[in-house]
Amino acid sequence: MTFASIEFLFYFLPLFILLYFTAKTIKLRNFIFVVFSLIFYSGGYTPHLFLLLFSIFVNYRVALLLDDKQGADRRKVLVYGVAFNVLLLAGFKYTGFILQNLDILLEPFDVVIPVPRIGLPLGISFYSFHAISYIADIYKGRVRANRDPLQFILYMTMFPQLVAGPIVRYSTVARQLGARRTTWGRFSAGARIFAIGLAWKVLIADEVAPLVMSIFDGTTNPTLLEAWLGVYAYAIQIYFDFGGYSAMAVGLGVMVGFTLPRNFRIPYAALSLTDFWRRWHMSLSSWLRDYVYIPLGGNRLGEARTYANLWSVFLLCGLWHGASWNFVIWGAHHGAFLVIERAGLKRWLDRAPRAVAHLYTVVVVLLGWVWFRAETFDGALDLFAGLFGLNGIGGLSFPLAFGLYPLSVAALVAGGIIGFWKWPRLRLSTRWRPVVAAGDYVMVAAVLLLSIIWIGGGPAAPFLYYRF
């Protein structure tokens, strides 16, 4: 089940809202929230629900032990707890990748290693990071272990953010698990955010998806025009798909009284790669900063160690996204440019014209998306050849030209206008504000209706980050 589906919009969500707001006590509301979250998750693949519940049970017990232990014993509990979550994630996500590479290394010795097909549990990358941050914060004394099992289960399974984030720190929602405020104003504000996110996903990301697929998966030896069109289209697709999901998650949270962290802040308007990572997938970048970069020493141990730490963090960031060398290279790509910026390029960018800094950032990010989207190493090299004009300059293949229908072109244009520029806010006199507010609600209602019509016209497209 996805947010952008008839089942969710017309059956799951209305029934959840009805039962949730009918409940009078916070405990009953939490129970209803947990039940619906488990139903939502089990819609992906029911056996993986038991893995999620096992992870919840272990981390709940680890948290209680951390609260009860002192000294060296407490540190051991932390190590065991983090190791459990890392091994759980690695076992399901990276076992096949490791065995495939071992098989290649041992091939000259006629040794064949069977590589099992292990299905990736939905959302395991996200709920494992939730658990690690929770027990790490308990160890550091930032929060206390929650001894209410229902509240902890709700924190780990909350369906708006369970399968694709944002990554929510326990401290962000700790008070709201036991007492939260829900008003008509907050509900309507959350619904507005949800509607905008739904429109981003359905009307923009899904409209450019066939174009991305035709270039990355169906075009060999792309020309300069085809390659740049494909990379730009993918930049639009992944931002409005993942940004749309994050907006829907935040909106759903606000509707029922939770404040979930913002995950995007116009990242393609950034003026450096450093600035980009303050705006893109903000919950992940801040998590990596606090639980990996700073524990490694951060920038406290000299320039060489700082560069090594930055690069290590982004290699991990790439690997977190997927068990593939292409993701590792994508992480190395971003890590390398962040190191170069810290070594001096950032100071030059700060003094350069905004247009130059913006162009540099966009080009670096687009080149990185090639590694992120290409299915194979050779496929990435083929697209890079097109980007640098090695396969010819102009011209579009017939399937690709046919795929540029009016709606996909409109989505590419709208995505560029919304996603690549930070537009100034209009300053209006007091008398015009009610008119603008009314127009805003009409526009949101219109895009919500249009999105629902679009969804009804075809099968729901899964969110891109469901596979991470």
Protein backbone atom coordinates (compact mmCIF):
# COMPACT_ATOMS: atom_id res chain seq x y z
CA MET A 1 0.00 0.00 0.00
CA THR A 2 1.23 3.51 -0.79
CA PHE A 3 -0.05 6.95 0.13
CA ALA A 4 -0.78 7.59 -3.56
CA SER A 5 -3.31 4.78 -3.95
CA ILE A 6 -7.08 4.42 -3.97
CA GLU A 7 -6.88 1.89 -1.11
CA PHE A 8 -5.07 4.36 1.14
CA LEU A 9 -6.95 7.53 0.23
CA PHE A 10 -10.49 6.14 0.21
CA TYR A 11 -10.41 3.26 2.70
CA PHE A 12 -7.38 3.14 5.01
CA LEU A 13 -6.95 6.86 5.81
CA PRO A 14 -10.66 7.77 6.32
CA LEU A 15 -11.22 4.76 8.59
CA PHE A 16 -8.06 5.54 10.56
CA ILE A 17 -9.04 9.20 11.04
CA LEU A 18 -12.60 8.25 12.05
CA LEU A 19 -11.49 5.75 14.70
CA TYR A 20 -8.55 7.86 15.87
CA PHE A 21 -10.56 11.01 16.57
CA THR A 22 -13.47 9.04 18.01
CA ALA A 23 -11.15 7.65 20.70
CA LYS A 24 -11.23 9.77 23.85
CA THR A 25 -7.98 8.78 25.60
CA ILE A 26 -4.40 9.10 24.36
CA LYS A 27 -3.76 5.45 25.18
CA LEU A 28 -6.61 4.29 22.96
CA ARG A 29 -5.46 6.62 20.19
CA ASN A 30 -1.96 5.18 20.45
CA PHE A 31 -3.38 1.65 20.25
CA ILE A 32 -5.41 2.52 17.12
CA PHE A 33 -2.34 4.17 15.57
CA VAL A 34 -0.22 1.08 16.21
CA VAL A 35 -2.82 -1.32 14.80
CA PHE A 36 -3.21 0.71 11.61
CA SER A 37 0.58 1.07 11.30
CA LEU A 38 1.07 -2.69 11.49
CA ILE A 39 -1.70 -3.25 8.93
CA PHE A 40 -0.10 -0.66 6.64
CA TYR A 41 3.32 -2.30 6.96
CA SER A 42 2.06 -5.84 6.49
CA GLY A 43 0.56 -4.79 3.17
CA GLY A 44 4.09 -4.88 1.72
CA TYR A 45 5.06 -8.43 2.73
CA THR A 46 3.52 -9.85 5.87
CA PRO A 47 6.44 -12.09 7.07
CA HIS A 48 8.67 -9.01 7.35
CA LEU A 49 6.27 -7.72 10.00
CA PHE A 50 7.67 -10.33 12.41
CA LEU A 51 11.20 -9.04 11.78
CA LEU A 52 10.05 -5.51 12.62
CA LEU A 53 8.38 -6.74 15.83
CA PHE A 54 11.53 -8.68 16.77
CA SER A 55 13.61 -5.53 16.29
CA ILE A 56 11.18 -3.56 18.46
CA PHE A 57 11.30 -6.17 21.23
CA VAL A 58 15.11 -6.30 21.32
CA ASN A 59 15.56 -2.53 21.25
CA TYR A 60 12.93 -2.03 23.95
CA ARG A 61 14.83 -4.42 26.23
CA VAL A 62 18.20 -2.84 25.36
CA ALA A 63 16.85 0.61 26.24
CA LEU A 64 15.63 -0.60 29.65
CA LEU A 65 19.01 -2.22 30.36
CA LEU A 66 20.81 1.00 29.44
CA ASP A 67 18.69 2.86 31.98
CA ASP A 68 19.48 0.29 34.68
CA LYS A 69 23.20 -0.31 34.10
CA GLN A 70 26.18 1.84 35.10
CA GLY A 71 29.81 2.18 34.00
CA ALA A 72 31.43 -0.43 31.78
CA ASP A 73 28.33 -2.66 31.79
CA ARG A 74 26.30 0.18 30.34
CA ARG A 75 28.80 0.66 27.52
CA LYS A 76 28.64 -3.07 26.74
CA VAL A 77 24.86 -2.89 26.45
CA LEU A 78 25.21 0.01 24.01
CA VAL A 79 27.74 -1.89 21.89
CA TYR A 80 25.54 -4.99 21.81
CA GLY A 81 22.47 -2.93 20.95
CA VAL A 82 24.14 -1.06 18.09
CA ALA A 83 25.73 -4.29 16.84
CA PHE A 84 22.33 -6.00 16.79
CA ASN A 85 20.79 -3.27 14.62
CA VAL A 86 23.80 -3.06 12.29
CA LEU A 87 23.93 -6.83 11.84
CA LEU A 88 20.17 -7.02 11.27
CA LEU A 89 20.41 -4.37 8.56
CA ALA A 90 23.60 -5.81 7.04
CA GLY A 91 22.32 -9.38 7.08
CA PHE A 92 19.28 -8.60 4.96
CA LYS A 93 20.68 -5.79 2.84
CA TYR A 94 24.33 -6.66 2.17
CA THR A 95 24.76 -10.43 2.42
CA GLY A 96 24.07 -10.97 -1.28
CA PHE A 97 26.36 -8.07 -2.27
CA ILE A 98 29.24 -9.40 -0.16
CA LEU A 99 28.86 -12.95 -1.47
CA GLN A 100 28.67 -11.75 -5.09
CA ASN A 101 31.97 -9.91 -4.72
CA LEU A 102 33.58 -12.87 -2.98
CA ASP A 103 32.41 -15.07 -5.83
CA ILE A 104 34.14 -12.75 -8.32
CA LEU A 105 37.37 -12.73 -6.29
CA LEU A 106 37.43 -16.52 -5.98
CA GLU A 107 36.49 -17.21 -9.60
CA PRO A 108 40.15 -17.74 -10.72
CA PHE A 109 40.40 -20.52 -8.14
CA ASP A 110 37.28 -22.30 -9.48
CA VAL A 111 35.46 -21.65 -6.23
CA VAL A 112 31.75 -20.95 -6.63
CA ILE A 113 29.84 -19.35 -3.77
CA PRO A 114 26.06 -19.75 -3.94
CA VAL A 115 24.39 -16.36 -3.57
CA PRO A 116 20.96 -16.62 -1.90
CA ARG A 117 18.14 -14.28 -2.90
CA ILE A 118 17.29 -12.35 0.23
CA GLY A 119 14.30 -10.03 0.05
CA LEU A 120 14.90 -6.58 1.51
CA PRO A 121 12.42 -5.92 4.35
CA LEU A 122 10.43 -2.76 3.74
CA GLY A 123 11.80 0.22 5.67
CA ILE A 124 14.59 -1.69 7.46
CA SER A 125 17.12 1.05 6.69
CA PHE A 126 14.89 3.60 8.39
CA TYR A 127 13.69 1.72 11.46
CA SER A 128 17.21 0.42 12.16
CA PHE A 129 18.50 4.00 12.21
CA HIS A 130 15.57 5.00 14.46
CA ALA A 131 16.57 2.31 16.93
CA ILE A 132 20.30 3.17 16.88
CA SER A 133 19.64 6.87 17.53
CA TYR A 134 17.22 5.96 20.34
CA ILE A 135 19.61 3.76 22.31
CA ALA A 136 22.57 6.07 21.59
CA ASP A 137 20.65 9.06 22.99
CA ILE A 138 19.74 7.06 26.10
CA TYR A 139 23.39 6.18 26.61
CA LYS A 140 24.41 9.85 26.25
CA GLY A 141 21.72 10.90 28.74
CA ARG A 142 19.74 12.96 26.23
CA VAL A 143 16.55 10.96 26.84
CA ARG A 144 15.29 8.30 29.22
CA ALA A 145 14.08 4.89 28.09
CA ASN A 146 10.33 4.80 27.49
CA ARG A 147 8.93 2.10 29.77
CA ASP A 148 5.50 2.17 28.12
CA PRO A 149 5.66 -0.62 25.47
CA LEU A 150 2.76 0.84 23.50
CA GLN A 151 4.43 4.25 23.18
CA PHE A 152 7.71 2.72 22.05
CA ILE A 153 5.97 0.50 19.50
CA LEU A 154 4.18 3.58 18.17
CA TYR A 155 7.50 5.45 17.86
CA MET A 156 8.99 2.58 15.84
CA THR A 157 5.97 1.79 13.67
CA MET A 158 4.23 5.12 13.02
CA PHE A 159 2.96 4.49 9.47
CA PRO A 160 3.53 7.99 8.02
CA GLN A 161 7.31 7.62 8.36
CA LEU A 162 7.83 3.88 8.83
CA VAL A 163 8.88 2.78 5.36
CA ALA A 164 10.64 5.81 3.85
CA GLY A 165 11.32 8.34 6.57
CA PRO A 166 12.00 11.02 7.50
CA ILE A 167 14.32 9.57 10.13
CA VAL A 168 12.71 10.70 13.39
CA ARG A 169 14.74 11.10 16.58
CA TYR A 170 12.96 9.82 19.67
CA SER A 171 13.56 13.17 21.39
CA THR A 172 11.54 14.90 18.64
CA VAL A 173 8.34 13.03 19.47
CA ALA A 174 8.94 11.86 23.05
CA ARG A 175 6.41 14.23 24.66
CA GLN A 176 3.88 13.81 21.86
CA LEU A 177 3.76 10.04 22.43
CA GLY A 178 2.11 10.68 25.80
CA ALA A 179 0.22 13.90 25.14
CA ARG A 180 -0.41 15.71 21.88
CA ARG A 181 -2.58 18.57 20.78
CA THR A 182 -4.92 18.18 17.84
CA THR A 183 -6.99 21.09 16.57
CA TRP A 184 -8.94 21.81 13.41
CA GLY A 185 -6.31 24.35 12.45
CA ARG A 186 -3.48 21.81 12.77
CA PHE A 187 -5.52 19.16 10.99
CA SER A 188 -6.25 21.43 8.03
CA ALA A 189 -2.61 22.58 7.86
CA GLY A 190 -1.47 18.94 7.81
CA ALA A 191 -4.02 18.08 5.13
CA ARG A 192 -2.71 20.95 3.01
CA ILE A 193 0.89 19.68 3.32
CA PHE A 194 -0.30 16.16 2.47
CA ALA A 195 -2.16 17.39 -0.62
CA ILE A 196 0.89 19.26 -1.91
CA GLY A 197 3.09 16.20 -1.39
CA LEU A 198 0.56 14.00 -3.20
CA ALA A 199 0.52 16.41 -6.16
CA TRP A 200 4.34 16.43 -6.27
CA LYS A 201 4.36 12.65 -6.46
CA VAL A 202 1.47 12.07 -8.87
CA LEU A 203 1.49 15.10 -11.14
CA ILE A 204 5.25 15.65 -11.45
CA ALA A 205 7.38 12.65 -10.40
CA ASP A 206 5.16 9.98 -11.96
CA GLU A 207 4.76 11.96 -15.19
CA VAL A 208 8.51 12.14 -15.84
CA ALA A 209 9.16 8.53 -14.70
CA PRO A 210 8.57 6.93 -18.16
CA LEU A 211 10.98 9.42 -19.71
CA VAL A 212 13.66 8.56 -17.14
CA MET A 213 13.13 4.84 -17.72
CA SER A 214 13.35 5.16 -21.50
CA ILE A 215 16.73 6.94 -21.30
CA PHE A 216 18.39 5.03 -18.45
CA ASP A 217 16.99 1.59 -19.26
CA GLY A 218 15.98 1.69 -22.90
CA THR A 219 18.52 3.85 -24.71
CA THR A 220 22.01 2.70 -25.73
CA ASN A 221 24.70 5.20 -26.67
CA PRO A 222 22.57 8.25 -25.76
CA THR A 223 23.38 11.51 -27.47
CA LEU A 224 24.36 14.65 -25.57
CA LEU A 225 20.76 15.90 -25.70
CA GLU A 226 19.28 12.55 -24.60
CA ALA A 227 21.75 12.10 -21.74
CA TRP A 228 21.27 15.56 -20.23
CA LEU A 229 17.52 15.31 -20.67
CA GLY A 230 17.53 11.96 -18.87
CA VAL A 231 19.66 13.17 -15.94
CA TYR A 232 17.57 16.33 -15.55
CA ALA A 233 14.37 14.27 -15.67
CA TYR A 234 15.70 11.91 -12.99
CA ALA A 235 16.66 14.88 -10.79
CA ILE A 236 13.05 16.04 -11.05
CA GLN A 237 11.66 12.55 -10.47
CA ILE A 238 13.65 11.66 -7.37
CA TYR A 239 13.16 15.05 -5.71
CA PHE A 240 9.41 15.26 -6.25
CA ASP A 241 8.92 11.55 -5.51
CA PHE A 242 10.90 11.50 -2.26
CA GLY A 243 10.07 15.10 -1.37
CA GLY A 244 6.41 14.34 -2.04
CA TYR A 245 6.54 11.30 0.24
CA SER A 246 8.24 13.30 3.00
CA ALA A 247 5.66 16.09 2.71
CA MET A 248 2.83 13.55 2.95
CA ALA A 249 4.46 11.95 6.00
CA VAL A 250 4.87 15.31 7.73
CA GLY A 251 1.33 16.31 6.80
CA LEU A 252 -0.16 13.10 8.18
CA GLY A 253 1.83 13.60 11.37
CA VAL A 254 0.55 17.15 11.82
CA MET A 255 -3.03 16.00 11.22
CA VAL A 256 -2.86 13.72 14.27
CA GLY A 257 -0.72 15.91 16.51
CA PHE A 258 2.88 14.86 15.72
CA THR A 259 5.61 17.23 14.58
CA LEU A 260 7.89 15.27 12.23
CA PRO A 261 11.14 16.81 10.95
CA ARG A 262 11.29 18.57 7.61
CA ASN A 263 13.33 16.56 5.11
CA PHE A 264 13.88 18.99 2.21
CA ARG A 265 14.45 22.72 1.84
CA ILE A 266 14.70 23.50 -1.91
CA PRO A 267 17.96 21.51 -2.30
CA TYR A 268 18.48 22.30 -5.98
CA ALA A 269 18.67 26.00 -5.10
CA ALA A 270 21.85 25.34 -3.06
CA LEU A 271 25.02 27.32 -3.86
CA SER A 272 27.49 24.57 -2.91
CA LEU A 273 27.42 20.85 -2.27
CA THR A 274 27.87 21.60 1.43
CA ASP A 275 24.72 23.72 1.23
CA PHE A 276 22.98 20.98 -0.78
CA TRP A 277 23.44 18.47 2.04
CA ARG A 278 21.94 20.94 4.50
CA ARG A 279 18.83 20.89 2.33
CA TRP A 280 18.59 17.34 0.89
CA HIS A 281 17.34 14.41 3.00
CA MET A 282 18.04 16.54 6.05
CA SER A 283 17.03 13.86 8.56
CA LEU A 284 19.63 11.45 7.12
CA SER A 285 22.45 14.01 6.81
CA SER A 286 21.92 15.22 10.40
CA TRP A 287 21.77 11.59 11.61
CA LEU A 288 25.08 10.78 9.90
CA ARG A 289 26.61 13.94 11.33
CA ASP A 290 25.55 13.21 14.93
CA TYR A 291 26.00 9.43 15.06
CA VAL A 292 28.91 8.82 12.66
CA TYR A 293 30.86 11.98 11.75
CA ILE A 294 31.11 13.47 15.27
CA PRO A 295 31.93 10.12 16.99
CA LEU A 296 34.71 9.60 14.39
CA GLY A 297 36.22 12.88 15.53
CA GLY A 298 34.43 15.33 13.28
CA ASN A 299 36.66 18.30 12.53
CA ARG A 300 38.46 18.24 15.89
CA LEU A 301 41.51 16.17 14.90
CA GLY A 302 43.09 18.18 12.11
CA GLU A 303 42.38 18.72 8.43
CA ALA A 304 43.54 15.31 7.17
CA ARG A 305 41.37 13.46 9.69
CA THR A 306 38.43 15.76 8.90
CA TYR A 307 38.69 14.94 5.19
CA ALA A 308 38.90 11.21 5.96
CA ASN A 309 35.87 11.46 8.24
CA LEU A 310 33.83 13.31 5.60
CA TRP A 311 34.68 10.80 2.93
CA SER A 312 33.98 7.83 5.23
CA VAL A 313 30.57 9.24 6.16
CA PHE A 314 29.55 9.63 2.52
CA LEU A 315 30.83 6.21 1.53
CA LEU A 316 28.53 4.92 4.28
CA CYS A 317 25.76 7.20 2.99
CA GLY A 318 26.10 5.64 -0.46
CA LEU A 319 26.15 2.11 0.91
CA TRP A 320 23.11 2.86 3.10
CA HIS A 321 21.15 3.64 -0.05
CA GLY A 322 21.85 0.29 -1.66
CA ALA A 323 24.10 -2.75 -1.89
CA SER A 324 25.80 -1.79 -5.15
CA TRP A 325 29.15 -0.36 -6.19
CA ASN A 326 27.27 2.37 -8.05
CA PHE A 327 25.87 3.65 -4.74
CA VAL A 328 29.33 3.49 -3.18
CA ILE A 329 30.72 5.54 -6.09
CA TRP A 330 27.83 8.01 -5.69
CA GLY A 331 28.79 8.43 -2.03
CA ALA A 332 32.47 8.81 -2.95
CA HIS A 333 31.51 11.42 -5.56
CA HIS A 334 29.72 13.56 -2.99
CA GLY A 335 32.38 12.96 -0.34
CA ALA A 336 35.14 14.04 -2.73
CA PHE A 337 33.45 17.32 -3.63
CA LEU A 338 32.68 18.05 0.02
CA VAL A 339 36.38 17.56 0.84
CA ILE A 340 37.39 19.81 -2.08
CA GLU A 341 34.98 22.49 -0.90
CA ARG A 342 36.29 22.30 2.65
CA ALA A 343 39.86 22.51 1.36
CA GLY A 344 39.18 25.91 -0.20
CA LEU A 345 36.62 25.78 -3.00
CA LYS A 346 33.79 26.78 -0.64
CA ARG A 347 35.48 30.11 0.12
CA TRP A 348 35.70 30.80 -3.62
CA LEU A 349 32.05 29.82 -4.14
CA ASP A 350 30.97 32.19 -1.37
CA ARG A 351 32.59 35.08 -3.27
CA ALA A 352 31.53 33.95 -6.75
CA PRO A 353 28.37 35.22 -8.48
CA ARG A 354 25.29 33.31 -7.29
CA ALA A 355 24.59 32.05 -10.81
CA VAL A 356 28.07 30.48 -11.04
CA ALA A 357 27.82 28.81 -7.62
CA HIS A 358 24.31 27.57 -8.44
CA LEU A 359 25.39 26.15 -11.81
CA TYR A 360 28.39 24.37 -10.23
CA THR A 361 26.17 22.78 -7.57
CA VAL A 362 23.50 21.64 -10.02
CA VAL A 363 26.07 20.09 -12.40
CA VAL A 364 27.85 18.21 -9.57
CA VAL A 365 24.53 16.88 -8.23
CA LEU A 366 23.30 15.86 -11.70
CA LEU A 367 26.54 14.00 -12.45
CA GLY A 368 26.15 12.16 -9.15
CA TRP A 369 22.61 11.09 -10.04
CA VAL A 370 24.02 9.09 -12.96
CA TRP A 371 25.66 6.66 -10.51
CA PHE A 372 22.58 6.64 -8.29
CA ARG A 373 20.12 5.76 -11.05
CA ALA A 374 22.12 3.58 -13.48
CA GLU A 375 21.43 -0.12 -12.94
CA THR A 376 25.01 -1.17 -13.79
CA PHE A 377 28.51 0.27 -13.87
CA ASP A 378 28.62 -0.04 -17.67
CA GLY A 379 25.24 1.68 -17.90
CA ALA A 380 26.61 4.65 -15.94
CA LEU A 381 29.68 4.88 -18.19
CA ASP A 382 27.43 4.76 -21.26
CA LEU A 383 25.41 7.70 -19.97
CA PHE A 384 28.56 9.65 -19.05
CA ALA A 385 29.75 9.16 -22.63
CA GLY A 386 26.51 10.79 -23.76
CA LEU A 387 26.82 13.63 -21.25
CA PHE A 388 30.25 14.54 -22.66
CA GLY A 389 29.10 14.33 -26.28
CA LEU A 390 30.99 11.17 -27.20
CA ASN A 391 27.88 9.61 -28.82
CA GLY A 392 26.86 12.63 -30.87
CA ILE A 393 25.31 15.95 -30.00
CA GLY A 394 21.65 16.21 -30.96
CA GLY A 395 18.69 14.12 -31.94
CA LEU A 396 16.22 12.00 -30.01
CA SER A 397 15.37 8.37 -30.67
CA PHE A 398 11.80 7.76 -31.83
CA PRO A 399 10.61 6.09 -28.56
CA LEU A 400 12.11 8.94 -26.54
CA ALA A 401 10.64 11.65 -28.76
CA PHE A 402 7.27 9.88 -28.56
CA GLY A 403 7.60 9.83 -24.75
CA LEU A 404 7.87 13.63 -24.62
CA TYR A 405 4.12 14.12 -24.58
CA PRO A 406 2.64 17.44 -23.34
CA LEU A 407 2.09 16.32 -19.74
CA SER A 408 5.66 15.07 -19.29
CA VAL A 409 7.02 18.31 -20.75
CA ALA A 410 4.75 20.30 -18.42
CA ALA A 411 6.01 18.23 -15.44
CA LEU A 412 9.64 18.87 -16.43
CA VAL A 413 8.98 22.61 -16.66
CA ALA A 414 6.96 22.78 -13.43
CA GLY A 415 9.57 20.71 -11.62
CA GLY A 416 12.32 23.05 -12.74
CA ILE A 417 10.40 26.16 -11.70
CA ILE A 418 9.48 24.78 -8.27
CA GLY A 419 12.60 22.78 -7.52
CA PHE A 420 15.58 24.80 -8.77
CA TRP A 421 14.75 28.33 -7.62
CA LYS A 422 13.96 29.96 -4.31
CA TRP A 423 11.20 32.41 -5.11
CA PRO A 424 10.79 35.51 -2.89
CA ARG A 425 7.64 35.73 -0.82
CA LEU A 426 5.17 38.39 -1.86
CA ARG A 427 4.60 41.14 0.67
CA LEU A 428 0.88 41.87 0.72
CA SER A 429 -1.15 44.44 2.55
CA THR A 430 -3.46 43.19 5.28
CA ARG A 431 -6.61 43.58 3.21
CA TRP A 432 -5.37 41.18 0.52
CA ARG A 433 -4.30 38.37 2.86
CA PRO A 434 -7.77 36.76 3.23
CA VAL A 435 -8.15 36.74 -0.55
CA VAL A 436 -4.76 35.10 -1.03
CA ALA A 437 -5.46 32.57 1.75
CA ALA A 438 -8.80 31.64 0.14
CA GLY A 439 -7.11 31.31 -3.25
CA ASP A 440 -4.44 29.10 -1.68
CA TYR A 441 -7.05 26.72 -0.27
CA VAL A 442 -8.86 26.61 -3.62
CA MET A 443 -5.60 25.79 -5.39
CA VAL A 444 -4.73 23.03 -2.90
CA ALA A 445 -8.23 21.54 -3.23
CA ALA A 446 -7.89 21.64 -7.02
CA VAL A 447 -4.51 19.87 -7.09
CA LEU A 448 -5.81 17.29 -4.57
CA LEU A 449 -8.81 16.56 -6.79
CA LEU A 450 -6.60 16.42 -9.87
CA SER A 451 -4.18 14.05 -8.11
CA ILE A 452 -7.02 11.72 -7.11
CA ILE A 453 -8.31 11.69 -10.70
CA TRP A 454 -4.79 10.83 -11.89
CA ILE A 455 -4.50 8.00 -9.37
CA GLY A 456 -7.87 6.61 -10.43
CA GLY A 457 -6.68 6.46 -14.03
CA GLY A 458 -3.95 3.89 -13.44
CA PRO A 459 -2.11 1.67 -10.94
CA ALA A 460 -0.26 3.33 -8.06
CA ALA A 461 3.46 3.80 -8.70
CA PRO A 462 5.64 2.79 -5.74
CA PHE A 463 7.79 5.45 -4.11
CA LEU A 464 11.46 5.31 -5.14
CA TYR A 465 12.72 5.18 -1.54
CA TYR A 466 10.65 2.09 -0.74
CA ARG A 467 13.58 0.07 -2.11
CA PHE A 468 16.06 1.58 0.34
